[in-house]
Amino acid sequence: MIKKKNIIKLISNYLEKNNSIYLVDLSGLTSNQIFDLRKNCYDKQIKLKFVKNTLFKIAIKNSKFEKFYPVLKGPTALMTSNINNYPAILINNFKKKISLKKEYLKAAYIEEMLYLGEISLNTLINIKSKNELILDLIFMLKSELFNLFLLLNSKNEIYNIIFYLLKK
């Protein structure tokens, strides 16, 4: 009983520390395919953990992750990463590599948003993190400020020419 409580606490802490959480169904894969997937996860700094649904349900009770309840049927593996779209890209590439049509993605919880099912995979592949969005915004502002500076600078040149001509 104490061991289960510790596992539940570990799952809860693990979920709270990660902004991108993916639940996947890896049933039907061979041991070699799972080994290959684990290796790819390790290379991309994605953590892959197999969890029991009953313990997972207890761990997410009364939390923002209760939205996962409907998908907690059958085998479940938990994938997390510091980069929001890495697990989605890995899942997509892995599906292409082994040529399986099975739906692996059960759900994902990214930056306070829930994505359900394989239909969300393309959206998740293209999702940007908050930091990436901030960088995009900074670059857009930088570009606009640079254009404004050029415009103001060119007007100063015109004013200088007019002033020079008027002076004569």
N, C-alpha and C. Protein backbone atom coordinates (compact mmCIF):
# COMPACT_ATOMS: atom_id res chain seq x y z
N MET A 1 0.82 -1.19 0.00
CA MET A 1 0.00 0.00 0.00
C MET A 1 0.87 1.27 0.00
N ILE A 2 1.94 1.25 0.80
CA ILE A 2 2.84 2.41 0.86
C ILE A 2 3.52 2.60 -0.49
N LYS A 3 3.88 1.50 -1.14
CA LYS A 3 4.53 1.58 -2.44
C LYS A 3 3.60 2.25 -3.46
N LYS A 4 2.33 1.89 -3.46
CA LYS A 4 1.37 2.49 -4.40
C LYS A 4 1.19 3.98 -4.11
N LYS A 5 1.15 4.35 -2.84
CA LYS A 5 1.04 5.78 -2.48
C LYS A 5 2.24 6.56 -2.99
N ASN A 6 3.42 5.97 -2.87
CA ASN A 6 4.62 6.63 -3.37
C ASN A 6 4.58 6.78 -4.89
N ILE A 7 4.11 5.76 -5.58
CA ILE A 7 4.00 5.82 -7.05
C ILE A 7 3.01 6.91 -7.45
N ILE A 8 1.89 6.98 -6.75
CA ILE A 8 0.86 8.00 -7.03
C ILE A 8 1.44 9.39 -6.82
N LYS A 9 2.16 9.56 -5.73
CA LYS A 9 2.79 10.86 -5.44
C LYS A 9 3.83 11.21 -6.51
N LEU A 10 4.62 10.23 -6.94
CA LEU A 10 5.62 10.46 -7.99
C LEU A 10 4.95 10.88 -9.30
N ILE A 11 3.86 10.22 -9.66
CA ILE A 11 3.14 10.57 -10.89
C ILE A 11 2.62 11.99 -10.79
N SER A 12 2.01 12.34 -9.67
CA SER A 12 1.46 13.69 -9.48
C SER A 12 2.55 14.75 -9.60
N ASN A 13 3.66 14.53 -8.93
CA ASN A 13 4.78 15.48 -9.00
C ASN A 13 5.34 15.58 -10.41
N TYR A 14 5.44 14.44 -11.07
CA TYR A 14 5.97 14.39 -12.42
C TYR A 14 5.09 15.20 -13.38
N LEU A 15 3.78 15.06 -13.24
CA LEU A 15 2.85 15.80 -14.11
C LEU A 15 2.92 17.29 -13.86
N GLU A 16 3.02 17.68 -12.60
CA GLU A 16 3.04 19.10 -12.25
C GLU A 16 4.31 19.80 -12.74
N LYS A 17 5.39 19.06 -12.90
CA LYS A 17 6.67 19.65 -13.31
C LYS A 17 6.82 19.78 -14.83
N ASN A 18 5.87 19.24 -15.60
CA ASN A 18 6.00 19.23 -17.06
C ASN A 18 4.85 20.00 -17.71
N ASN A 19 5.21 20.79 -18.74
CA ASN A 19 4.20 21.55 -19.48
C ASN A 19 3.63 20.78 -20.66
N SER A 20 4.35 19.79 -21.14
CA SER A 20 3.84 18.99 -22.26
C SER A 20 3.78 17.53 -21.85
N ILE A 21 2.56 17.02 -21.85
CA ILE A 21 2.30 15.66 -21.42
C ILE A 21 1.51 14.95 -22.52
N TYR A 22 2.02 13.83 -22.94
CA TYR A 22 1.37 13.03 -23.98
C TYR A 22 1.02 11.66 -23.40
N LEU A 23 -0.18 11.19 -23.70
CA LEU A 23 -0.57 9.83 -23.35
C LEU A 23 -0.68 9.05 -24.66
N VAL A 24 0.01 7.93 -24.73
CA VAL A 24 0.04 7.14 -25.97
C VAL A 24 -0.27 5.68 -25.67
N ASP A 25 -0.79 5.01 -26.68
CA ASP A 25 -1.07 3.58 -26.61
C ASP A 25 -0.05 2.86 -27.47
N LEU A 26 0.84 2.14 -26.86
CA LEU A 26 1.90 1.44 -27.58
C LEU A 26 1.62 -0.05 -27.72
N SER A 27 0.38 -0.44 -27.48
CA SER A 27 0.06 -1.86 -27.62
C SER A 27 0.20 -2.26 -29.09
N GLY A 28 0.57 -3.49 -29.30
CA GLY A 28 0.74 -4.00 -30.66
C GLY A 28 2.15 -3.84 -31.19
N LEU A 29 2.99 -3.10 -30.48
CA LEU A 29 4.38 -2.96 -30.92
C LEU A 29 5.20 -4.14 -30.42
N THR A 30 6.17 -4.52 -31.20
CA THR A 30 7.07 -5.60 -30.78
C THR A 30 8.07 -5.04 -29.77
N SER A 31 8.76 -5.93 -29.10
CA SER A 31 9.75 -5.47 -28.12
C SER A 31 10.87 -4.69 -28.82
N ASN A 32 11.23 -5.07 -30.04
CA ASN A 32 12.26 -4.33 -30.78
C ASN A 32 11.77 -2.93 -31.15
N GLN A 33 10.51 -2.80 -31.51
CA GLN A 33 9.95 -1.49 -31.85
C GLN A 33 9.89 -0.60 -30.62
N ILE A 34 9.52 -1.16 -29.48
CA ILE A 34 9.48 -0.38 -28.24
C ILE A 34 10.91 0.03 -27.84
N PHE A 35 11.86 -0.88 -28.00
CA PHE A 35 13.27 -0.54 -27.73
C PHE A 35 13.71 0.62 -28.62
N ASP A 36 13.36 0.56 -29.91
CA ASP A 36 13.71 1.62 -30.86
C ASP A 36 13.05 2.94 -30.46
N LEU A 37 11.79 2.87 -30.05
CA LEU A 37 11.08 4.07 -29.61
C LEU A 37 11.73 4.67 -28.37
N ARG A 38 12.06 3.84 -27.41
CA ARG A 38 12.74 4.32 -26.19
C ARG A 38 14.07 5.00 -26.53
N LYS A 39 14.81 4.41 -27.46
CA LYS A 39 16.10 4.98 -27.87
C LYS A 39 15.88 6.35 -28.51
N ASN A 40 14.88 6.47 -29.38
CA ASN A 40 14.57 7.75 -30.01
C ASN A 40 14.13 8.78 -28.97
N CYS A 41 13.37 8.34 -27.99
CA CYS A 41 12.94 9.24 -26.90
C CYS A 41 14.16 9.75 -26.15
N TYR A 42 15.05 8.86 -25.83
CA TYR A 42 16.26 9.24 -25.09
C TYR A 42 17.09 10.25 -25.89
N ASP A 43 17.22 10.01 -27.20
CA ASP A 43 17.99 10.91 -28.07
C ASP A 43 17.38 12.31 -28.14
N LYS A 44 16.05 12.39 -28.06
CA LYS A 44 15.35 13.68 -28.16
C LYS A 44 15.00 14.27 -26.79
N GLN A 45 15.53 13.67 -25.73
CA GLN A 45 15.28 14.11 -24.35
C GLN A 45 13.80 14.10 -24.01
N ILE A 46 13.14 13.05 -24.47
CA ILE A 46 11.74 12.81 -24.14
C ILE A 46 11.71 11.69 -23.13
N LYS A 47 10.95 11.88 -22.07
CA LYS A 47 10.83 10.84 -21.06
C LYS A 47 9.62 9.98 -21.40
N LEU A 48 9.82 8.67 -21.38
CA LEU A 48 8.76 7.70 -21.67
C LEU A 48 8.59 6.80 -20.46
N LYS A 49 7.38 6.78 -19.91
CA LYS A 49 7.09 5.97 -18.73
C LYS A 49 5.78 5.22 -18.97
N PHE A 50 5.76 3.96 -18.59
CA PHE A 50 4.53 3.18 -18.67
C PHE A 50 3.83 3.31 -17.32
N VAL A 51 2.52 3.56 -17.36
CA VAL A 51 1.77 3.78 -16.13
C VAL A 51 0.54 2.89 -16.10
N LYS A 52 0.13 2.53 -14.91
CA LYS A 52 -1.13 1.80 -14.73
C LYS A 52 -2.25 2.83 -14.65
N ASN A 53 -3.30 2.59 -15.42
CA ASN A 53 -4.40 3.54 -15.48
C ASN A 53 -5.03 3.81 -14.11
N THR A 54 -5.16 2.78 -13.29
CA THR A 54 -5.80 2.99 -11.98
C THR A 54 -4.96 3.92 -11.10
N LEU A 55 -3.66 3.73 -11.10
CA LEU A 55 -2.79 4.61 -10.32
C LEU A 55 -2.75 6.01 -10.92
N PHE A 56 -2.76 6.08 -12.24
CA PHE A 56 -2.76 7.38 -12.92
C PHE A 56 -4.04 8.16 -12.59
N LYS A 57 -5.18 7.47 -12.60
CA LYS A 57 -6.46 8.12 -12.27
C LYS A 57 -6.45 8.67 -10.85
N ILE A 58 -5.90 7.91 -9.93
CA ILE A 58 -5.81 8.38 -8.53
C ILE A 58 -4.88 9.59 -8.46
N ALA A 59 -3.79 9.55 -9.20
CA ALA A 59 -2.80 10.64 -9.16
C ALA A 59 -3.36 11.94 -9.72
N ILE A 60 -4.28 11.87 -10.69
CA ILE A 60 -4.80 13.09 -11.31
C ILE A 60 -6.14 13.54 -10.73
N LYS A 61 -6.63 12.79 -9.76
CA LYS A 61 -7.91 13.15 -9.14
C LYS A 61 -7.82 14.54 -8.52
N ASN A 62 -8.84 15.35 -8.76
CA ASN A 62 -8.93 16.73 -8.26
C ASN A 62 -7.78 17.61 -8.74
N SER A 63 -7.32 17.38 -9.95
CA SER A 63 -6.28 18.22 -10.53
C SER A 63 -6.73 18.66 -11.93
N LYS A 64 -5.94 19.51 -12.54
CA LYS A 64 -6.26 19.97 -13.89
C LYS A 64 -6.14 18.85 -14.92
N PHE A 65 -5.55 17.74 -14.53
CA PHE A 65 -5.34 16.62 -15.45
C PHE A 65 -6.50 15.62 -15.44
N GLU A 66 -7.55 15.91 -14.69
CA GLU A 66 -8.73 15.03 -14.68
C GLU A 66 -9.34 14.89 -16.07
N LYS A 67 -9.03 15.80 -16.95
CA LYS A 67 -9.54 15.76 -18.33
C LYS A 67 -9.04 14.51 -19.06
N PHE A 68 -8.02 13.85 -18.53
CA PHE A 68 -7.49 12.63 -19.14
C PHE A 68 -8.37 11.40 -18.88
N TYR A 69 -9.28 11.47 -17.93
CA TYR A 69 -10.07 10.31 -17.55
C TYR A 69 -10.66 9.54 -18.74
N PRO A 70 -11.31 10.20 -19.70
CA PRO A 70 -11.96 9.45 -20.79
C PRO A 70 -11.00 8.60 -21.63
N VAL A 71 -9.73 8.94 -21.70
CA VAL A 71 -8.80 8.20 -22.56
C VAL A 71 -8.00 7.15 -21.80
N LEU A 72 -8.23 7.05 -20.52
CA LEU A 72 -7.46 6.09 -19.71
C LEU A 72 -8.10 4.71 -19.76
N LYS A 73 -8.04 4.12 -20.94
CA LYS A 73 -8.51 2.75 -21.16
C LYS A 73 -7.43 2.03 -21.94
N GLY A 74 -7.18 0.81 -21.62
CA GLY A 74 -6.14 0.07 -22.32
C GLY A 74 -4.76 0.50 -21.88
N PRO A 75 -3.73 -0.05 -22.51
CA PRO A 75 -2.35 0.28 -22.15
C PRO A 75 -2.05 1.77 -22.36
N THR A 76 -1.36 2.35 -21.40
CA THR A 76 -1.04 3.78 -21.49
C THR A 76 0.43 4.01 -21.16
N ALA A 77 1.05 4.82 -22.00
CA ALA A 77 2.42 5.25 -21.75
C ALA A 77 2.39 6.77 -21.67
N LEU A 78 3.24 7.31 -20.85
CA LEU A 78 3.32 8.75 -20.60
C LEU A 78 4.60 9.28 -21.22
N MET A 79 4.46 10.30 -22.08
CA MET A 79 5.64 10.94 -22.69
C MET A 79 5.66 12.39 -22.28
N THR A 80 6.82 12.89 -21.86
CA THR A 80 6.96 14.30 -21.52
C THR A 80 8.25 14.83 -22.12
N SER A 81 8.24 16.14 -22.36
CA SER A 81 9.41 16.79 -22.94
C SER A 81 9.38 18.26 -22.57
N ASN A 82 10.56 18.88 -22.55
CA ASN A 82 10.64 20.32 -22.32
C ASN A 82 10.26 21.09 -23.57
N ILE A 83 10.31 20.44 -24.72
CA ILE A 83 9.93 21.07 -25.97
C ILE A 83 8.59 20.47 -26.39
N ASN A 84 7.58 21.32 -26.45
CA ASN A 84 6.19 20.88 -26.59
C ASN A 84 5.91 19.94 -27.75
N ASN A 85 6.53 20.16 -28.89
CA ASN A 85 6.14 19.37 -30.05
C ASN A 85 7.06 18.17 -30.33
N TYR A 86 8.12 17.98 -29.58
CA TYR A 86 9.02 16.85 -29.83
C TYR A 86 8.32 15.49 -29.76
N PRO A 87 7.50 15.23 -28.74
CA PRO A 87 6.81 13.93 -28.72
C PRO A 87 5.89 13.73 -29.93
N ALA A 88 5.19 14.77 -30.36
CA ALA A 88 4.31 14.65 -31.52
C ALA A 88 5.10 14.32 -32.77
N ILE A 89 6.22 15.01 -32.95
CA ILE A 89 7.09 14.75 -34.11
C ILE A 89 7.62 13.32 -34.05
N LEU A 90 8.04 12.88 -32.87
CA LEU A 90 8.56 11.53 -32.71
C LEU A 90 7.48 10.49 -33.02
N ILE A 91 6.28 10.69 -32.51
CA ILE A 91 5.18 9.76 -32.77
C ILE A 91 4.91 9.69 -34.27
N ASN A 92 4.83 10.84 -34.91
CA ASN A 92 4.54 10.88 -36.35
C ASN A 92 5.64 10.18 -37.15
N ASN A 93 6.90 10.47 -36.86
CA ASN A 93 8.01 9.84 -37.57
C ASN A 93 8.05 8.33 -37.31
N PHE A 94 7.75 7.94 -36.09
CA PHE A 94 7.77 6.52 -35.74
C PHE A 94 6.67 5.78 -36.49
N LYS A 95 5.50 6.39 -36.59
CA LYS A 95 4.39 5.77 -37.33
C LYS A 95 4.77 5.57 -38.79
N LYS A 96 5.42 6.57 -39.37
CA LYS A 96 5.85 6.45 -40.77
C LYS A 96 6.91 5.36 -40.93
N LYS A 97 7.82 5.30 -39.96
CA LYS A 97 8.93 4.36 -40.04
C LYS A 97 8.44 2.91 -40.01
N ILE A 98 7.47 2.62 -39.13
CA ILE A 98 7.02 1.23 -39.01
C ILE A 98 5.76 0.95 -39.83
N SER A 99 5.29 1.97 -40.55
CA SER A 99 4.16 1.82 -41.48
C SER A 99 2.91 1.23 -40.84
N LEU A 100 2.60 1.69 -39.66
CA LEU A 100 1.37 1.22 -39.01
C LEU A 100 0.31 2.32 -39.07
N LYS A 101 -0.91 1.91 -39.24
CA LYS A 101 -2.02 2.86 -39.34
C LYS A 101 -2.71 3.07 -37.99
N LYS A 102 -2.28 2.33 -36.99
CA LYS A 102 -2.90 2.41 -35.67
C LYS A 102 -2.75 3.82 -35.08
N GLU A 103 -3.75 4.22 -34.32
CA GLU A 103 -3.68 5.51 -33.64
C GLU A 103 -2.95 5.32 -32.31
N TYR A 104 -1.85 6.02 -32.18
CA TYR A 104 -1.04 5.91 -30.96
C TYR A 104 -1.36 7.00 -29.95
N LEU A 105 -1.64 8.19 -30.43
CA LEU A 105 -1.86 9.32 -29.52
C LEU A 105 -3.26 9.24 -28.92
N LYS A 106 -3.31 9.14 -27.60
CA LYS A 106 -4.60 9.17 -26.90
C LYS A 106 -4.98 10.61 -26.60
N ALA A 107 -4.04 11.35 -26.00
CA ALA A 107 -4.31 12.74 -25.62
C ALA A 107 -2.99 13.44 -25.30
N ALA A 108 -3.06 14.76 -25.32
CA ALA A 108 -1.89 15.56 -24.93
C ALA A 108 -2.38 16.78 -24.17
N TYR A 109 -1.58 17.20 -23.23
CA TYR A 109 -1.89 18.39 -22.44
C TYR A 109 -0.69 19.31 -22.54
N ILE A 110 -0.85 20.41 -23.31
CA ILE A 110 0.25 21.31 -23.59
C ILE A 110 -0.15 22.73 -23.18
N GLU A 111 0.67 23.34 -22.33
CA GLU A 111 0.45 24.75 -21.95
C GLU A 111 -1.03 25.03 -21.62
N GLU A 112 -1.58 24.20 -20.74
CA GLU A 112 -2.95 24.37 -20.24
C GLU A 112 -4.04 24.05 -21.25
N MET A 113 -3.70 23.38 -22.37
CA MET A 113 -4.68 23.00 -23.39
C MET A 113 -4.69 21.49 -23.55
N LEU A 114 -5.90 20.93 -23.69
CA LEU A 114 -6.04 19.49 -23.88
C LEU A 114 -6.29 19.20 -25.36
N TYR A 115 -5.57 18.23 -25.90
CA TYR A 115 -5.74 17.78 -27.27
C TYR A 115 -6.08 16.29 -27.22
N LEU A 116 -7.18 15.92 -27.85
CA LEU A 116 -7.63 14.53 -27.79
C LEU A 116 -7.43 13.82 -29.12
N GLY A 117 -6.86 12.64 -29.06
CA GLY A 117 -6.78 11.75 -30.19
C GLY A 117 -5.76 12.08 -31.26
N GLU A 118 -5.66 11.14 -32.16
CA GLU A 118 -4.70 11.21 -33.27
C GLU A 118 -4.99 12.38 -34.20
N ILE A 119 -6.22 12.82 -34.23
CA ILE A 119 -6.60 13.94 -35.10
C ILE A 119 -5.84 15.22 -34.72
N SER A 120 -5.37 15.30 -33.51
CA SER A 120 -4.63 16.47 -33.02
C SER A 120 -3.14 16.43 -33.35
N LEU A 121 -2.67 15.33 -33.91
CA LEU A 121 -1.23 15.14 -34.11
C LEU A 121 -0.61 16.23 -34.97
N ASN A 122 -1.24 16.58 -36.09
CA ASN A 122 -0.67 17.63 -36.95
C ASN A 122 -0.63 18.98 -36.24
N THR A 123 -1.65 19.27 -35.46
CA THR A 123 -1.66 20.52 -34.68
C THR A 123 -0.51 20.53 -33.69
N LEU A 124 -0.31 19.41 -33.02
CA LEU A 124 0.74 19.30 -32.01
C LEU A 124 2.13 19.38 -32.62
N ILE A 125 2.29 18.86 -33.83
CA ILE A 125 3.59 18.93 -34.51
C ILE A 125 3.96 20.39 -34.76
N ASN A 126 2.98 21.20 -35.10
CA ASN A 126 3.24 22.60 -35.47
C ASN A 126 3.11 23.58 -34.31
N ILE A 127 2.82 23.08 -33.14
CA ILE A 127 2.62 23.97 -31.98
C ILE A 127 3.95 24.59 -31.56
N LYS A 128 3.86 25.81 -31.11
CA LYS A 128 5.06 26.50 -30.63
C LYS A 128 4.95 26.70 -29.12
N SER A 129 6.09 26.73 -28.48
CA SER A 129 6.11 26.97 -27.04
C SER A 129 5.92 28.47 -26.79
N LYS A 130 5.67 28.81 -25.55
CA LYS A 130 5.53 30.22 -25.18
C LYS A 130 6.79 31.00 -25.54
N ASN A 131 7.95 30.41 -25.27
CA ASN A 131 9.22 31.08 -25.59
C ASN A 131 9.38 31.32 -27.08
N GLU A 132 8.98 30.33 -27.90
CA GLU A 132 9.07 30.50 -29.35
C GLU A 132 8.13 31.60 -29.83
N LEU A 133 6.94 31.66 -29.25
CA LEU A 133 5.99 32.71 -29.62
C LEU A 133 6.50 34.10 -29.23
N ILE A 134 7.11 34.18 -28.06
CA ILE A 134 7.69 35.46 -27.62
C ILE A 134 8.82 35.87 -28.56
N LEU A 135 9.66 34.92 -28.95
CA LEU A 135 10.74 35.23 -29.89
C LEU A 135 10.19 35.69 -31.24
N ASP A 136 9.15 35.01 -31.72
CA ASP A 136 8.52 35.44 -32.98
C ASP A 136 8.01 36.87 -32.87
N LEU A 137 7.37 37.18 -31.75
CA LEU A 137 6.85 38.52 -31.53
C LEU A 137 7.98 39.56 -31.49
N ILE A 138 9.06 39.22 -30.80
CA ILE A 138 10.21 40.14 -30.72
C ILE A 138 10.79 40.39 -32.11
N PHE A 139 10.94 39.33 -32.91
CA PHE A 139 11.49 39.50 -34.26
C PHE A 139 10.56 40.32 -35.14
N MET A 140 9.25 40.13 -34.99
CA MET A 140 8.30 40.94 -35.77
C MET A 140 8.40 42.41 -35.36
N LEU A 141 8.44 42.66 -34.07
CA LEU A 141 8.57 44.03 -33.58
C LEU A 141 9.90 44.64 -34.01
N LYS A 142 10.94 43.87 -33.93
CA LYS A 142 12.26 44.35 -34.34
C LYS A 142 12.23 44.76 -35.81
N SER A 143 11.62 43.95 -36.64
CA SER A 143 11.53 44.24 -38.07
C SER A 143 10.73 45.53 -38.31
N GLU A 144 9.61 45.67 -37.61
CA GLU A 144 8.78 46.87 -37.77
C GLU A 144 9.50 48.11 -37.25
N LEU A 145 10.19 47.98 -36.14
CA LEU A 145 10.94 49.12 -35.60
C LEU A 145 12.08 49.51 -36.54
N PHE A 146 12.72 48.53 -37.13
CA PHE A 146 13.79 48.81 -38.08
C PHE A 146 13.23 49.56 -39.30
N ASN A 147 12.07 49.12 -39.80
CA ASN A 147 11.44 49.80 -40.94
C ASN A 147 11.06 51.24 -40.57
N LEU A 148 10.54 51.42 -39.36
CA LEU A 148 10.18 52.76 -38.89
C LEU A 148 11.42 53.64 -38.79
N PHE A 149 12.50 53.09 -38.28
CA PHE A 149 13.76 53.82 -38.17
C PHE A 149 14.25 54.24 -39.56
N LEU A 150 14.19 53.34 -40.51
CA LEU A 150 14.61 53.66 -41.88
C LEU A 150 13.74 54.77 -42.47
N LEU A 151 12.45 54.69 -42.20
CA LEU A 151 11.53 55.70 -42.70
C LEU A 151 11.84 57.06 -42.08
N LEU A 152 12.03 57.08 -40.78
CA LEU A 152 12.35 58.35 -40.11
C LEU A 152 13.71 58.86 -40.56
N ASN A 153 14.65 57.98 -40.73
CA ASN A 153 15.98 58.37 -41.16
C ASN A 153 15.94 58.95 -42.58
N SER A 154 15.15 58.35 -43.44
CA SER A 154 15.05 58.86 -44.81
C SER A 154 14.36 60.22 -44.84
N LYS A 155 13.39 60.44 -43.95
CA LYS A 155 12.73 61.75 -43.88
C LYS A 155 13.71 62.81 -43.40
N ASN A 156 14.58 62.44 -42.48
CA ASN A 156 15.60 63.38 -42.03
C ASN A 156 16.51 63.77 -43.18
N GLU A 157 16.85 62.82 -44.02
CA GLU A 157 17.68 63.13 -45.19
C GLU A 157 16.96 64.12 -46.11
N ILE A 158 15.68 63.89 -46.30
CA ILE A 158 14.89 64.81 -47.16
C ILE A 158 14.84 66.20 -46.51
N TYR A 159 14.60 66.23 -45.22
CA TYR A 159 14.56 67.52 -44.51
C TYR A 159 15.91 68.22 -44.59
N ASN A 160 16.99 67.45 -44.45
CA ASN A 160 18.33 68.03 -44.54
C ASN A 160 18.58 68.62 -45.93
N ILE A 161 18.14 67.92 -46.96
CA ILE A 161 18.32 68.42 -48.33
C ILE A 161 17.50 69.69 -48.53
N ILE A 162 16.23 69.67 -48.09
CA ILE A 162 15.36 70.86 -48.23
C ILE A 162 15.94 72.02 -47.45
N PHE A 163 16.39 71.74 -46.22
CA PHE A 163 16.98 72.78 -45.40
C PHE A 163 18.23 73.35 -46.07
N TYR A 164 19.06 72.50 -46.63
CA TYR A 164 20.27 72.91 -47.32
C TYR A 164 19.92 73.80 -48.53
N LEU A 165 18.91 73.36 -49.30
CA LEU A 165 18.51 74.14 -50.46
C LEU A 165 17.91 75.49 -50.07
N LEU A 166 17.14 75.52 -48.99
CA LEU A 166 16.52 76.76 -48.54
C LEU A 166 17.58 77.74 -47.98
N LYS A 167 18.61 77.20 -47.44
CA LYS A 167 19.67 77.99 -46.86
C LYS A 167 20.41 78.79 -47.94
N LYS A 168 20.51 78.26 -49.11
CA LYS A 168 21.26 78.90 -50.20
C LYS A 168 20.49 79.97 -50.79
